[in-house]
Amino acid sequence: KLLKYSLFKRYLENVVENSQFRDIEDIIAFYKA
């Protein structure tokens, strides 16, 4: 399952690289908000 969802992880890593978010956890916190 982790291999199946690894695409989303890479996508989030690209988002972190090209945005003001510090890490994936920061994106999750923002999404929950």
All heavy atoms as atom14 arrays in JSON, in Angstrom:
{
  "sequence": "KLLKYSLFKRYLENVVENSQFRDIEDIIAFYKA",
  "atom14_mask": [
    [1, 1, 1, 1, 1, 1, 1, 1, 1, 0, 0, 0, 0, 0],
    [1, 1, 1, 1, 1, 1, 1, 1, 0, 0, 0, 0, 0, 0],
    [1, 1, 1, 1, 1, 1, 1, 1, 0, 0, 0, 0, 0, 0],
    [1, 1, 1, 1, 1, 1, 1, 1, 1, 0, 0, 0, 0, 0],
    [1, 1, 1, 1, 1, 1, 1, 1, 1, 1, 1, 1, 0, 0],
    [1, 1, 1, 1, 1, 1, 0, 0, 0, 0, 0, 0, 0, 0],
    [1, 1, 1, 1, 1, 1, 1, 1, 0, 0, 0, 0, 0, 0],
    [1, 1, 1, 1, 1, 1, 1, 1, 1, 1, 1, 0, 0, 0],
    [1, 1, 1, 1, 1, 1, 1, 1, 1, 0, 0, 0, 0, 0],
    [1, 1, 1, 1, 1, 1, 1, 1, 1, 1, 1, 0, 0, 0],
    [1, 1, 1, 1, 1, 1, 1, 1, 1, 1, 1, 1, 0, 0],
    [1, 1, 1, 1, 1, 1, 1, 1, 0, 0, 0, 0, 0, 0],
    [1, 1, 1, 1, 1, 1, 1, 1, 1, 0, 0, 0, 0, 0],
    [1, 1, 1, 1, 1, 1, 1, 1, 0, 0, 0, 0, 0, 0],
    [1, 1, 1, 1, 1, 1, 1, 0, 0, 0, 0, 0, 0, 0],
    [1, 1, 1, 1, 1, 1, 1, 0, 0, 0, 0, 0, 0, 0],
    [1, 1, 1, 1, 1, 1, 1, 1, 1, 0, 0, 0, 0, 0],
    [1, 1, 1, 1, 1, 1, 1, 1, 0, 0, 0, 0, 0, 0],
    [1, 1, 1, 1, 1, 1, 0, 0, 0, 0, 0, 0, 0, 0],
    [1, 1, 1, 1, 1, 1, 1, 1, 1, 0, 0, 0, 0, 0],
    [1, 1, 1, 1, 1, 1, 1, 1, 1, 1, 1, 0, 0, 0],
    [1, 1, 1, 1, 1, 1, 1, 1, 1, 1, 1, 0, 0, 0],
    [1, 1, 1, 1, 1, 1, 1, 1, 0, 0, 0, 0, 0, 0],
    [1, 1, 1, 1, 1, 1, 1, 1, 0, 0, 0, 0, 0, 0],
    [1, 1, 1, 1, 1, 1, 1, 1, 1, 0, 0, 0, 0, 0],
    [1, 1, 1, 1, 1, 1, 1, 1, 0, 0, 0, 0, 0, 0],
    [1, 1, 1, 1, 1, 1, 1, 1, 0, 0, 0, 0, 0, 0],
    [1, 1, 1, 1, 1, 1, 1, 1, 0, 0, 0, 0, 0, 0],
    [1, 1, 1, 1, 1, 0, 0, 0, 0, 0, 0, 0, 0, 0],
    [1, 1, 1, 1, 1, 1, 1, 1, 1, 1, 1, 0, 0, 0],
    [1, 1, 1, 1, 1, 1, 1, 1, 1, 1, 1, 1, 0, 0],
    [1, 1, 1, 1, 1, 1, 1, 1, 1, 0, 0, 0, 0, 0],
    [1, 1, 1, 1, 1, 0, 0, 0, 0, 0, 0, 0, 0, 0]
  ],
  "atom14_positions": [
    [[0.83, -1.2, 0.0], [0.0, 0.0, 0.0], [0.87, 1.25, 0.0], [0.54, 2.25, -0.65], [-0.92, 0.0, 1.22], [-2.01, -1.04, 1.15], [-2.96, -0.91, 2.32], [-4.1, -1.92, 2.22], [-5.04, -1.81, 3.36], [0.0, 0.0, 0.0], [0.0, 0.0, 0.0], [0.0, 0.0, 0.0], [0.0, 0.0, 0.0], [0.0, 0.0, 0.0]],
    [[1.98, 1.2, 0.74], [2.89, 2.34, 0.76], [3.47, 2.6, -0.63], [3.59, 3.74, -1.06], [4.02, 2.07, 1.76], [5.07, 3.17, 1.9], [4.43, 4.46, 2.38], [6.17, 2.74, 2.85], [0.0, 0.0, 0.0], [0.0, 0.0, 0.0], [0.0, 0.0, 0.0], [0.0, 0.0, 0.0], [0.0, 0.0, 0.0], [0.0, 0.0, 0.0]],
    [[3.82, 1.52, -1.34], [4.32, 1.67, -2.7], [3.24, 2.25, -3.61], [3.52, 3.06, -4.51], [4.78, 0.31, -3.22], [5.37, 0.28, -4.64], [6.63, 1.14, -4.7], [5.68, -1.15, -5.06], [0.0, 0.0, 0.0], [0.0, 0.0, 0.0], [0.0, 0.0, 0.0], [0.0, 0.0, 0.0], [0.0, 0.0, 0.0], [0.0, 0.0, 0.0]],
    [[1.99, 1.85, -3.37], [0.88, 2.34, -4.17], [0.67, 3.84, -3.98], [0.38, 4.58, -4.93], [-0.39, 1.57, -3.81], [-1.63, 2.01, -4.58], [-2.83, 1.21, -4.14], [-4.09, 1.66, -4.87], [-5.28, 0.9, -4.42], [0.0, 0.0, 0.0], [0.0, 0.0, 0.0], [0.0, 0.0, 0.0], [0.0, 0.0, 0.0], [0.0, 0.0, 0.0]],
    [[0.82, 4.31, -2.73], [0.57, 5.72, -2.42], [1.86, 6.55, -2.43], [1.83, 7.71, -2.01], [-0.09, 5.85, -1.04], [-1.48, 5.29, -0.99], [-1.76, 4.17, -0.21], [-2.51, 5.86, -1.71], [-3.04, 3.64, -0.16], [-3.79, 5.35, -1.66], [-4.05, 4.24, -0.88], [-5.31, 3.72, -0.82], [0.0, 0.0, 0.0], [0.0, 0.0, 0.0]],
    [[2.96, 6.0, -2.87], [4.21, 6.75, -2.89], [4.14, 7.92, -3.85], [4.87, 8.91, -3.7], [5.36, 5.81, -3.28], [5.13, 5.25, -4.56], [0.0, 0.0, 0.0], [0.0, 0.0, 0.0], [0.0, 0.0, 0.0], [0.0, 0.0, 0.0], [0.0, 0.0, 0.0], [0.0, 0.0, 0.0], [0.0, 0.0, 0.0], [0.0, 0.0, 0.0]],
    [[3.27, 7.83, -4.88], [3.11, 8.92, -5.82], [2.67, 10.2, -5.11], [3.16, 11.3, -5.4], [2.1, 8.53, -6.9], [1.75, 9.61, -7.94], [2.99, 9.95, -8.75], [0.64, 9.11, -8.85], [0.0, 0.0, 0.0], [0.0, 0.0, 0.0], [0.0, 0.0, 0.0], [0.0, 0.0, 0.0], [0.0, 0.0, 0.0], [0.0, 0.0, 0.0]],
    [[1.74, 10.06, -4.17], [1.26, 11.22, -3.43], [2.36, 11.8, -2.54], [2.44, 13.01, -2.34], [0.04, 10.84, -2.59], [-1.1, 10.33, -3.41], [-1.35, 8.97, -3.48], [-1.91, 11.2, -4.12], [-2.4, 8.49, -4.24], [-2.96, 10.73, -4.88], [-3.2, 9.38, -4.95], [0.0, 0.0, 0.0], [0.0, 0.0, 0.0], [0.0, 0.0, 0.0]],
    [[3.2, 10.95, -2.01], [4.31, 11.43, -1.2], [5.25, 12.29, -2.04], [5.67, 13.38, -1.62], [5.06, 10.25, -0.58], [6.21, 10.68, 0.31], [6.93, 9.49, 0.87], [8.11, 9.94, 1.73], [8.87, 8.78, 2.25], [0.0, 0.0, 0.0], [0.0, 0.0, 0.0], [0.0, 0.0, 0.0], [0.0, 0.0, 0.0], [0.0, 0.0, 0.0]],
    [[5.6, 11.81, -3.25], [6.46, 12.6, -4.11], [5.8, 13.92, -4.5], [6.45, 14.97, -4.57], [6.8, 11.78, -5.37], [7.73, 10.6, -5.09], [8.3, 10.05, -6.38], [7.27, 9.52, -7.27], [6.83, 8.27, -7.23], [7.34, 7.4, -6.36], [5.9, 7.85, -8.09], [0.0, 0.0, 0.0], [0.0, 0.0, 0.0], [0.0, 0.0, 0.0]],
    [[4.49, 13.85, -4.74], [3.77, 15.07, -5.09], [3.85, 16.08, -3.94], [4.1, 17.28, -4.16], [2.31, 14.73, -5.4], [1.42, 15.93, -5.57], [1.46, 16.69, -6.73], [0.55, 16.3, -4.55], [0.64, 17.8, -6.88], [-0.26, 17.42, -4.69], [-0.21, 18.16, -5.86], [-1.02, 19.24, -5.99], [0.0, 0.0, 0.0], [0.0, 0.0, 0.0]],
    [[3.66, 15.62, -2.7], [3.72, 16.51, -1.54], [5.13, 17.04, -1.33], [5.32, 18.18, -0.92], [3.22, 15.78, -0.3], [1.72, 15.48, -0.3], [1.35, 14.66, 0.92], [0.91, 16.77, -0.3], [0.0, 0.0, 0.0], [0.0, 0.0, 0.0], [0.0, 0.0, 0.0], [0.0, 0.0, 0.0], [0.0, 0.0, 0.0], [0.0, 0.0, 0.0]],
    [[6.12, 16.21, -1.59], [7.49, 16.69, -1.47], [7.76, 17.81, -2.48], [8.44, 18.79, -2.16], [8.46, 15.53, -1.68], [8.45, 14.53, -0.51], [9.31, 13.31, -0.79], [9.76, 13.18, -1.95], [9.53, 12.52, 0.14], [0.0, 0.0, 0.0], [0.0, 0.0, 0.0], [0.0, 0.0, 0.0], [0.0, 0.0, 0.0], [0.0, 0.0, 0.0]],
    [[7.23, 17.67, -3.69], [7.37, 18.73, -4.69], [6.64, 20.0, -4.25], [7.12, 21.11, -4.47], [6.83, 18.26, -6.04], [7.67, 17.16, -6.66], [8.87, 17.09, -6.42], [7.04, 16.28, -7.41], [0.0, 0.0, 0.0], [0.0, 0.0, 0.0], [0.0, 0.0, 0.0], [0.0, 0.0, 0.0], [0.0, 0.0, 0.0], [0.0, 0.0, 0.0]],
    [[5.47, 19.8, -3.61], [4.73, 20.96, -3.09], [5.55, 21.68, -2.03], [5.62, 22.91, -2.0], [3.37, 20.51, -2.52], [2.68, 21.67, -1.81], [2.48, 20.0, -3.63], [0.0, 0.0, 0.0], [0.0, 0.0, 0.0], [0.0, 0.0, 0.0], [0.0, 0.0, 0.0], [0.0, 0.0, 0.0], [0.0, 0.0, 0.0], [0.0, 0.0, 0.0]],
    [[6.19, 20.92, -1.14], [7.01, 21.53, -0.09], [8.17, 22.3, -0.7], [8.53, 23.4, -0.27], [7.52, 20.45, 0.88], [8.54, 21.03, 1.85], [6.36, 19.83, 1.65], [0.0, 0.0, 0.0], [0.0, 0.0, 0.0], [0.0, 0.0, 0.0], [0.0, 0.0, 0.0], [0.0, 0.0, 0.0], [0.0, 0.0, 0.0], [0.0, 0.0, 0.0]],
    [[8.77, 21.74, -1.74], [9.92, 22.4, -2.38], [9.51, 23.69, -3.08], [10.31, 24.63, -3.15], [10.57, 21.45, -3.39], [11.26, 20.25, -2.73], [11.83, 19.3, -3.77], [11.62, 19.58, -4.97], [12.45, 18.3, -3.38], [0.0, 0.0, 0.0], [0.0, 0.0, 0.0], [0.0, 0.0, 0.0], [0.0, 0.0, 0.0], [0.0, 0.0, 0.0]],
    [[8.3, 23.75, -3.6], [7.87, 24.9, -4.4], [6.85, 25.77, -3.68], [6.04, 26.46, -4.33], [7.28, 24.42, -5.73], [8.29, 23.65, -6.56], [9.36, 24.16, -6.85], [7.95, 22.43, -6.93], [0.0, 0.0, 0.0], [0.0, 0.0, 0.0], [0.0, 0.0, 0.0], [0.0, 0.0, 0.0], [0.0, 0.0, 0.0], [0.0, 0.0, 0.0]],
    [[6.8, 25.74, -2.36], [5.84, 26.54, -1.6], [6.49, 27.01, -0.31], [7.68, 26.75, -0.06], [4.57, 25.72, -1.31], [4.88, 24.64, -0.46], [0.0, 0.0, 0.0], [0.0, 0.0, 0.0], [0.0, 0.0, 0.0], [0.0, 0.0, 0.0], [0.0, 0.0, 0.0], [0.0, 0.0, 0.0], [0.0, 0.0, 0.0], [0.0, 0.0, 0.0]],
    [[5.69, 27.69, 0.5], [6.19, 28.21, 1.76], [6.1, 27.2, 2.9], [6.53, 27.5, 4.02], [5.41, 29.47, 2.17], [3.97, 29.21, 2.66], [3.0, 29.05, 1.52], [3.4, 28.94, 0.37], [1.71, 29.05, 1.85], [0.0, 0.0, 0.0], [0.0, 0.0, 0.0], [0.0, 0.0, 0.0], [0.0, 0.0, 0.0], [0.0, 0.0, 0.0]],
    [[5.59, 26.01, 2.61], [5.48, 24.99, 3.65], [6.87, 24.44, 3.97], [7.71, 24.26, 3.08], [4.55, 23.86, 3.22], [3.14, 24.31, 3.01], [2.6, 24.42, 1.73], [2.32, 24.6, 4.09], [1.31, 24.84, 1.53], [1.02, 25.01, 3.9], [0.51, 25.13, 2.63], [0.0, 0.0, 0.0], [0.0, 0.0, 0.0], [0.0, 0.0, 0.0]],
    [[7.06, 24.14, 5.28], [8.36, 23.62, 5.71], [8.48, 22.12, 5.46], [9.55, 21.64, 5.08], [8.57, 23.92, 7.2], [8.7, 25.41, 7.5], [8.71, 25.66, 8.99], [7.43, 25.26, 9.58], [7.17, 25.36, 10.89], [8.09, 25.8, 11.73], [5.98, 25.01, 11.35], [0.0, 0.0, 0.0], [0.0, 0.0, 0.0], [0.0, 0.0, 0.0]],
    [[7.41, 21.39, 5.71], [7.44, 19.95, 5.51], [6.03, 19.45, 5.26], [5.07, 20.24, 5.19], [8.05, 19.25, 6.75], [7.39, 19.7, 8.04], [6.27, 20.26, 7.97], [7.98, 19.5, 9.13], [0.0, 0.0, 0.0], [0.0, 0.0, 0.0], [0.0, 0.0, 0.0], [0.0, 0.0, 0.0], [0.0, 0.0, 0.0], [0.0, 0.0, 0.0]],
    [[5.91, 18.13, 5.08], [4.6, 17.53, 4.78], [3.64, 17.68, 5.96], [2.43, 17.9, 5.79], [4.78, 16.04, 4.41], [5.57, 15.93, 3.1], [3.42, 15.36, 4.23], [5.85, 14.51, 2.68], [0.0, 0.0, 0.0], [0.0, 0.0, 0.0], [0.0, 0.0, 0.0], [0.0, 0.0, 0.0], [0.0, 0.0, 0.0], [0.0, 0.0, 0.0]],
    [[4.17, 17.58, 7.18], [3.32, 17.75, 8.36], [2.7, 19.14, 8.4], [1.55, 19.32, 8.82], [4.13, 17.5, 9.63], [4.68, 16.09, 9.77], [3.56, 15.06, 9.9], [2.49, 15.43, 10.4], [3.79, 13.9, 9.51], [0.0, 0.0, 0.0], [0.0, 0.0, 0.0], [0.0, 0.0, 0.0], [0.0, 0.0, 0.0], [0.0, 0.0, 0.0]],
    [[3.46, 20.15, 7.93], [2.92, 21.5, 7.86], [1.76, 21.57, 6.88], [0.75, 22.24, 7.11], [4.03, 22.46, 7.44], [3.65, 23.92, 7.68], [2.61, 24.14, 8.32], [4.38, 24.81, 7.25], [0.0, 0.0, 0.0], [0.0, 0.0, 0.0], [0.0, 0.0, 0.0], [0.0, 0.0, 0.0], [0.0, 0.0, 0.0], [0.0, 0.0, 0.0]],
    [[1.88, 20.86, 5.75], [0.78, 20.81, 4.77], [-0.45, 20.13, 5.39], [-1.59, 20.58, 5.2], [1.23, 20.05, 3.51], [2.37, 20.8, 2.82], [0.07, 19.88, 2.53], [2.94, 20.07, 1.62], [0.0, 0.0, 0.0], [0.0, 0.0, 0.0], [0.0, 0.0, 0.0], [0.0, 0.0, 0.0], [0.0, 0.0, 0.0], [0.0, 0.0, 0.0]],
    [[-0.21, 19.06, 6.13], [-1.33, 18.35, 6.77], [-2.03, 19.26, 7.76], [-3.27, 19.3, 7.82], [-0.82, 17.07, 7.45], [-0.25, 16.11, 6.41], [-1.93, 16.4, 8.24], [0.43, 14.92, 7.01], [0.0, 0.0, 0.0], [0.0, 0.0, 0.0], [0.0, 0.0, 0.0], [0.0, 0.0, 0.0], [0.0, 0.0, 0.0], [0.0, 0.0, 0.0]],
    [[-1.24, 19.99, 8.57], [-1.84, 20.9, 9.54], [-2.67, 21.98, 8.84], [-3.78, 22.32, 9.27], [-0.76, 21.53, 10.4], [0.0, 0.0, 0.0], [0.0, 0.0, 0.0], [0.0, 0.0, 0.0], [0.0, 0.0, 0.0], [0.0, 0.0, 0.0], [0.0, 0.0, 0.0], [0.0, 0.0, 0.0], [0.0, 0.0, 0.0], [0.0, 0.0, 0.0]],
    [[-2.12, 22.51, 7.74], [-2.84, 23.53, 6.97], [-4.13, 22.96, 6.39], [-5.18, 23.61, 6.41], [-1.93, 24.07, 5.87], [-2.57, 25.16, 5.05], [-2.75, 26.42, 5.56], [-2.99, 24.9, 3.75], [-3.34, 27.42, 4.8], [-3.57, 25.89, 2.98], [-3.76, 27.16, 3.51], [0.0, 0.0, 0.0], [0.0, 0.0, 0.0], [0.0, 0.0, 0.0]],
    [[-4.06, 21.73, 5.87], [-5.25, 21.09, 5.31], [-6.32, 20.86, 6.39], [-7.51, 21.12, 6.16], [-4.86, 19.76, 4.67], [-6.04, 18.92, 4.28], [-6.79, 19.21, 3.15], [-6.42, 17.82, 5.06], [-7.87, 18.45, 2.8], [-7.51, 17.05, 4.7], [-8.23, 17.38, 3.57], [-9.3, 16.62, 3.24], [0.0, 0.0, 0.0], [0.0, 0.0, 0.0]],
    [[-5.89, 20.41, 7.57], [-6.85, 20.2, 8.66], [-7.51, 21.51, 9.06], [-8.71, 21.56, 9.35], [-6.15, 19.55, 9.85], [-5.75, 18.11, 9.62], [-5.09, 17.52, 10.85], [-4.72, 16.05, 10.62], [-4.05, 15.45, 11.8], [0.0, 0.0, 0.0], [0.0, 0.0, 0.0], [0.0, 0.0, 0.0], [0.0, 0.0, 0.0], [0.0, 0.0, 0.0]],
    [[-6.7, 22.59, 9.08], [-7.28, 23.9, 9.4], [-8.31, 24.31, 8.36], [-9.38, 24.84, 8.68], [-6.17, 24.94, 9.49], [0.0, 0.0, 0.0], [0.0, 0.0, 0.0], [0.0, 0.0, 0.0], [0.0, 0.0, 0.0], [0.0, 0.0, 0.0], [0.0, 0.0, 0.0], [0.0, 0.0, 0.0], [0.0, 0.0, 0.0], [0.0, 0.0, 0.0]]
  ]
}
